[in-house]
Amino acid sequence: MDIESDVKAIKEQVTEIKDMLHELIHEHEIIGMMKLSDSSLKEFLENEPDIYTLDDAKVVFRRKEILSSFHFLLLI
């Protein structure tokens, strides 16, 4: 290999590392914002009544399960 190809390969690797670092920083910023949002809304949400109960969630889950089974039967 000559120097020019080595430099080109190094530049490509540096670009990949920069992209990975940028993505990692972005993910950490998002996590930080989510934690901040969680902590700032915690008191507000604790005082709010629950909109749905566990029984409501079970009904929705059962409906989806039934619809999935029915859709599967239609495909057969």
C-alpha atoms as a PDB file:
ATOM      1  CA  MET A   1       0.000   0.000   0.000  1.00  0.00           C
ATOM      2  CA  ASP A   2       1.076   3.511  -0.651  1.00  0.00           C
ATOM      3  CA  ILE A   3       0.695   6.546   1.589  1.00  0.00           C
ATOM      4  CA  GLU A   4      -2.272   7.965  -0.334  1.00  0.00           C
ATOM      5  CA  SER A   5      -4.369   4.827   0.124  1.00  0.00           C
ATOM      6  CA  ASP A   6      -3.407   4.696   3.816  1.00  0.00           C
ATOM      7  CA  VAL A   7      -4.501   8.302   4.298  1.00  0.00           C
ATOM      8  CA  LYS A   8      -7.761   7.617   2.480  1.00  0.00           C
ATOM      9  CA  ALA A   9      -8.460   4.583   4.669  1.00  0.00           C
ATOM     10  CA  ILE A  10      -7.677   6.565   7.821  1.00  0.00           C
ATOM     11  CA  LYS A  11     -10.001   9.394   6.719  1.00  0.00           C
ATOM     12  CA  GLU A  12     -12.820   6.910   6.121  1.00  0.00           C
ATOM     13  CA  GLN A  13     -12.311   5.367   9.540  1.00  0.00           C
ATOM     14  CA  VAL A  14     -12.228   8.800  11.203  1.00  0.00           C
ATOM     15  CA  THR A  15     -15.478   9.704   9.440  1.00  0.00           C
ATOM     16  CA  GLU A  16     -17.107   6.495  10.700  1.00  0.00           C
ATOM     17  CA  ILE A  17     -15.892   7.208  14.233  1.00  0.00           C
ATOM     18  CA  LYS A  18     -17.228  10.780  14.051  1.00  0.00           C
ATOM     19  CA  ASP A  19     -20.637   9.506  12.921  1.00  0.00           C
ATOM     20  CA  MET A  20     -20.741   6.923  15.706  1.00  0.00           C
ATOM     21  CA  LEU A  21     -19.714   9.528  18.281  1.00  0.00           C
ATOM     22  CA  HIS A  22     -22.348  11.958  17.012  1.00  0.00           C
ATOM     23  CA  GLU A  23     -25.016   9.260  17.304  1.00  0.00           C
ATOM     24  CA  LEU A  24     -23.860   8.330  20.814  1.00  0.00           C
ATOM     25  CA  ILE A  25     -23.950  11.964  21.959  1.00  0.00           C
ATOM     26  CA  HIS A  26     -27.401  12.376  20.434  1.00  0.00           C
ATOM     27  CA  GLU A  27     -28.681   9.292  22.285  1.00  0.00           C
ATOM     28  CA  HIS A  28     -27.252  10.578  25.573  1.00  0.00           C
ATOM     29  CA  GLU A  29     -28.926  13.952  25.017  1.00  0.00           C
ATOM     30  CA  ILE A  30     -32.261  12.229  24.431  1.00  0.00           C
ATOM     31  CA  ILE A  31     -31.845  10.112  27.567  1.00  0.00           C
ATOM     32  CA  GLY A  32     -31.004  13.263  29.536  1.00  0.00           C
ATOM     33  CA  MET A  33     -34.109  15.028  28.236  1.00  0.00           C
ATOM     34  CA  MET A  34     -36.265  12.013  29.077  1.00  0.00           C
ATOM     35  CA  LYS A  35     -34.884  11.908  32.641  1.00  0.00           C
ATOM     36  CA  LEU A  36     -35.460  15.635  33.054  1.00  0.00           C
ATOM     37  CA  SER A  37     -38.984  15.300  31.711  1.00  0.00           C
ATOM     38  CA  ASP A  38     -39.633  12.398  34.073  1.00  0.00           C
ATOM     39  CA  SER A  39     -38.448  14.286  37.111  1.00  0.00           C
ATOM     40  CA  SER A  40     -40.223  17.528  36.218  1.00  0.00           C
ATOM     41  CA  LEU A  41     -43.557  15.788  35.551  1.00  0.00           C
ATOM     42  CA  LYS A  42     -43.338  13.347  38.465  1.00  0.00           C
ATOM     43  CA  GLU A  43     -45.150  15.509  41.011  1.00  0.00           C
ATOM     44  CA  PHE A  44     -47.803  16.552  38.494  1.00  0.00           C
ATOM     45  CA  LEU A  45     -48.502  12.992  37.374  1.00  0.00           C
ATOM     46  CA  GLU A  46     -48.596  11.610  40.909  1.00  0.00           C
ATOM     47  CA  ASN A  47     -51.513  13.928  41.705  1.00  0.00           C
ATOM     48  CA  GLU A  48     -53.456  13.035  38.568  1.00  0.00           C
ATOM     49  CA  PRO A  49     -56.026  10.241  38.645  1.00  0.00           C
ATOM     50  CA  ASP A  50     -55.427   7.174  36.510  1.00  0.00           C
ATOM     51  CA  ILE A  51     -57.364   7.362  33.265  1.00  0.00           C
ATOM     52  CA  TYR A  52     -57.343   3.631  32.673  1.00  0.00           C
ATOM     53  CA  THR A  53     -57.427   0.752  35.092  1.00  0.00           C
ATOM     54  CA  LEU A  54     -55.629  -2.554  34.789  1.00  0.00           C
ATOM     55  CA  ASP A  55     -58.958  -4.149  33.790  1.00  0.00           C
ATOM     56  CA  ASP A  56     -59.246  -1.682  30.869  1.00  0.00           C
ATOM     57  CA  ALA A  57     -55.803  -2.718  29.656  1.00  0.00           C
ATOM     58  CA  LYS A  58     -56.731  -6.398  29.911  1.00  0.00           C
ATOM     59  CA  VAL A  59     -59.832  -5.827  27.762  1.00  0.00           C
ATOM     60  CA  VAL A  60     -57.810  -4.039  25.071  1.00  0.00           C
ATOM     61  CA  PHE A  61     -55.194  -6.786  25.104  1.00  0.00           C
ATOM     62  CA  ARG A  62     -57.838  -9.504  24.779  1.00  0.00           C
ATOM     63  CA  ARG A  63     -59.467  -7.692  21.850  1.00  0.00           C
ATOM     64  CA  LYS A  64     -56.150  -7.437  20.032  1.00  0.00           C
ATOM     65  CA  GLU A  65     -55.467 -11.095  20.746  1.00  0.00           C
ATOM     66  CA  ILE A  66     -58.897 -12.094  19.379  1.00  0.00           C
ATOM     67  CA  LEU A  67     -58.511  -9.887  16.297  1.00  0.00           C
ATOM     68  CA  SER A  68     -55.043 -11.313  15.613  1.00  0.00           C
ATOM     69  CA  SER A  69     -56.408 -14.847  15.853  1.00  0.00           C
ATOM     70  CA  PHE A  70     -59.313 -13.972  13.572  1.00  0.00           C
ATOM     71  CA  HIS A  71     -57.003 -12.313  11.031  1.00  0.00           C
ATOM     72  CA  PHE A  72     -54.776 -15.419  11.092  1.00  0.00           C
ATOM     73  CA  LEU A  73     -57.783 -17.646  10.410  1.00  0.00           C
ATOM     74  CA  LEU A  74     -58.758 -15.486   7.431  1.00  0.00           C
ATOM     75  CA  LEU A  75     -55.295 -15.975   5.937  1.00  0.00           C
ATOM     76  CA  ILE A  76     -55.536 -19.767   6.107  1.00  0.00           C
END
